[in-house]
Protein backbone atom coordinates (compact mmCIF):
# COMPACT_ATOMS: atom_id res chain seq x y z
CA MET A 1 72.62 17.42 -33.75
CA LYS A 2 71.70 15.58 -30.57
CA ARG A 3 72.86 17.08 -27.27
CA GLN A 4 74.87 14.14 -25.96
CA LYS A 5 75.06 15.17 -22.29
CA LEU A 6 71.29 15.66 -22.16
CA GLN A 7 70.83 12.30 -23.89
CA MET A 8 72.99 10.64 -21.22
CA LEU A 9 70.82 12.14 -18.49
CA LEU A 10 67.64 11.21 -20.36
CA ASP A 11 68.79 7.59 -20.68
CA ALA A 12 69.46 7.48 -16.93
CA VAL A 13 66.10 9.11 -16.16
CA GLU A 14 64.28 6.57 -18.33
CA SER A 15 66.02 3.75 -16.47
CA GLU A 16 65.13 5.30 -13.09
CA LEU A 17 61.59 5.85 -14.33
CA SER A 18 61.13 2.14 -15.00
CA LYS A 19 62.35 1.29 -11.50
CA ALA A 20 60.24 4.02 -9.91
CA ALA A 21 57.08 2.84 -11.69
CA LEU A 22 57.63 -0.69 -10.41
CA HIS A 23 58.43 0.56 -6.92
CA TYR A 24 55.28 2.69 -6.87
CA LYS A 25 53.14 -0.22 -8.03
CA GLU A 26 54.57 -2.44 -5.29
CA ASN A 27 54.00 0.23 -2.62
CA LYS A 28 50.46 0.87 -3.81
CA ILE A 29 49.61 -2.85 -3.56
CA ALA A 30 51.23 -3.07 -0.12
CA SER A 31 49.33 0.01 1.06
CA GLU A 32 46.01 -1.39 -0.19
CA LYS A 33 46.67 -4.75 1.50
CA MET A 34 47.66 -3.04 4.74
CA ASN A 35 44.51 -0.95 4.62
CA GLU A 36 42.33 -4.05 4.17
CA THR A 37 44.00 -6.21 6.80
CA THR A 38 44.37 -3.57 9.51
CA ARG A 39 41.07 -1.76 9.06
CA THR A 40 39.66 -2.70 12.48
CA SER A 41 42.88 -2.82 14.46
CA TRP A 42 43.82 0.25 16.48
CA SER A 43 47.29 -1.10 17.09
CA ALA A 44 47.99 -1.33 13.36
CA ALA A 45 46.97 2.25 12.59
CA GLY A 46 50.63 3.37 12.53
CA ASP A 47 51.53 0.63 10.05
CA ARG A 48 48.63 1.66 7.86
CA GLU A 49 49.72 5.32 7.89
CA TYR A 50 53.33 4.37 7.19
CA ALA A 51 52.31 2.26 4.18
CA LYS A 52 50.17 5.10 2.85
CA ASP A 53 53.03 7.58 3.29
CA GLN A 54 55.41 5.25 1.43
CA GLU A 55 52.94 5.05 -1.44
CA GLU A 56 52.72 8.85 -1.59
CA VAL A 57 56.50 9.30 -1.53
CA THR A 58 57.05 6.79 -4.34
CA LYS A 59 54.28 8.44 -6.39
CA MET A 60 55.90 11.84 -5.92
CA ASN A 61 59.29 10.46 -7.03
CA LEU A 62 57.65 8.86 -10.08
CA ASP A 63 55.95 12.13 -11.03
CA MET A 64 59.20 14.09 -10.65
CA LEU A 65 61.02 11.65 -12.94
CA LYS A 66 58.21 11.83 -15.51
CA ASN A 67 58.39 15.63 -15.55
CA LEU A 68 62.18 15.62 -15.93
CA SER A 69 61.91 13.07 -18.74
CA LYS A 70 59.42 15.26 -20.61
CA GLU A 71 61.66 18.31 -20.20
CA LEU A 72 64.70 16.45 -21.53
CA LYS A 73 62.85 14.85 -24.45
CA LYS A 74 61.78 18.31 -25.65
CA ALA A 75 65.35 19.63 -25.56
CA VAL A 76 67.61 16.74 -26.53
CA ASN A 77 67.39 17.45 -30.27
CA ASN A 78 67.56 21.24 -29.97
CA LYS A 79 70.70 23.13 -30.90
CA TYR A 80 73.35 23.76 -28.28
CA PRO A 81 72.51 26.92 -26.30
CA ASP A 82 74.75 29.97 -26.34
CA LYS A 83 73.58 30.94 -22.85
CA ILE A 84 72.45 28.99 -19.82
CA GLU A 85 68.80 28.04 -20.03
CA PRO A 86 67.16 24.84 -18.86
CA PRO A 87 67.69 22.08 -19.47
CA CYS A 88 71.41 22.21 -20.06
CA PHE A 89 74.71 20.76 -18.96
CA VAL A 90 76.96 23.33 -17.28
CA ARG A 91 80.65 23.26 -16.46
CA VAL A 92 82.01 25.91 -14.08
CA HIS A 93 85.45 26.62 -12.67
CA ILE A 94 85.58 27.50 -8.96
CA ASP A 95 88.69 27.75 -6.80
CA GLY A 96 90.86 25.71 -9.17
CA GLU A 97 88.26 22.98 -9.63
CA ASP A 98 85.93 22.20 -12.53
CA ILE A 99 82.39 21.30 -11.47
CA GLU A 100 79.81 19.80 -13.85
CA PHE A 101 76.06 19.59 -13.38
CA TYR A 102 72.71 19.77 -15.14
CA LEU A 103 70.49 22.82 -14.72
CA VAL A 104 66.81 21.92 -15.08
CA GLU A 105 63.30 23.13 -14.27
CA ASN A 106 62.01 19.76 -13.08
CA VAL A 107 64.35 18.34 -10.48
CA ALA A 108 64.53 14.64 -9.64
CA SER A 109 67.14 12.49 -8.00
CA VAL A 110 69.09 10.45 -10.56
CA GLU A 111 71.97 8.32 -9.33
CA GLY A 112 75.34 9.47 -10.63
CA PHE A 113 74.17 12.90 -11.82
CA LYS A 114 74.39 16.32 -10.22
CA ILE A 115 71.16 18.18 -10.91
CA VAL A 116 70.49 21.80 -9.96
CA SER A 117 67.12 23.54 -10.08
CA ILE A 118 66.69 26.87 -11.83
CA SER A 119 64.71 27.98 -8.79
CA SER A 120 67.69 27.40 -6.47
CA PRO A 121 69.85 30.42 -5.60
CA VAL A 122 72.74 29.08 -7.73
CA GLY A 123 70.37 28.27 -10.59
CA LYS A 124 68.93 31.78 -10.54
CA GLU A 125 72.41 33.30 -10.57
CA LEU A 126 73.50 31.24 -13.58
CA LEU A 127 70.44 31.74 -15.78
CA LYS A 128 71.14 33.62 -19.03
CA LYS A 129 74.90 33.67 -18.42
CA LYS A 130 77.19 32.83 -21.35
CA LYS A 131 80.33 30.79 -21.67
CA TYR A 132 83.31 32.56 -20.02
CA ASP A 133 81.02 34.82 -17.98
CA ILE A 134 82.07 35.33 -14.37
CA TYR A 135 79.37 34.87 -11.76
CA LYS A 136 79.23 35.36 -8.02
CA TYR A 137 77.15 33.43 -5.55
CA THR A 138 77.50 34.51 -1.91
CA ASP A 139 81.28 34.70 -1.43
CA ILE A 140 82.05 32.20 -4.20
CA LYS A 141 83.23 33.51 -7.54
CA GLY A 142 83.22 31.24 -10.56
CA LYS A 143 83.63 31.17 -14.32
CA ILE A 144 81.37 29.36 -16.76
CA ILE A 145 83.61 27.21 -18.95
CA GLY A 146 81.05 25.11 -20.79
CA ILE A 147 77.38 24.97 -21.75
CA GLU A 148 75.77 22.10 -23.60
C-alpha cells in the first residue's frame, strides 16, 4: 500500500527538481559567460563572484532536492510505520492546535510543505515515538496524533 502523504511530497519534490535543474543550468551558463567576458576587468570582479555564488547556491539546492527525492522513493511503498522514523508524515497536537509536517533525513525547501530534519532538536525529540505518545520540547508539551 502506497504511503499517500509521502507520495504527495515526492510529486512536489519531483516538480521542484525539474525547476531546480533548469535554474542551475541557467546559472551555470550565466556564470561561465560572466567569467569569460569579465576576465580582465577589475571592476567586474564582484559580478563574476556573484554569478559564481549563484551557481553554487542553485547546485546545492538541486543536490538537496535529489537527496530528498531518493529518500522518499525508497520509502513511498513501504508499510506505514508504527513509530516515528524518517521519512514520515507526522501530526501533533500542541496547545489546542493540530500541526502537520514531514520528518526527513534530507531536508530541502518545497513550497507548500513543512519539512523538519531529524537532526533538528524537535526531530531528535520525536524520533522513535509512537502514536498517542506525549513529548516535550523546551517548555512545549505535545501529543503525537498521527504517523504516516
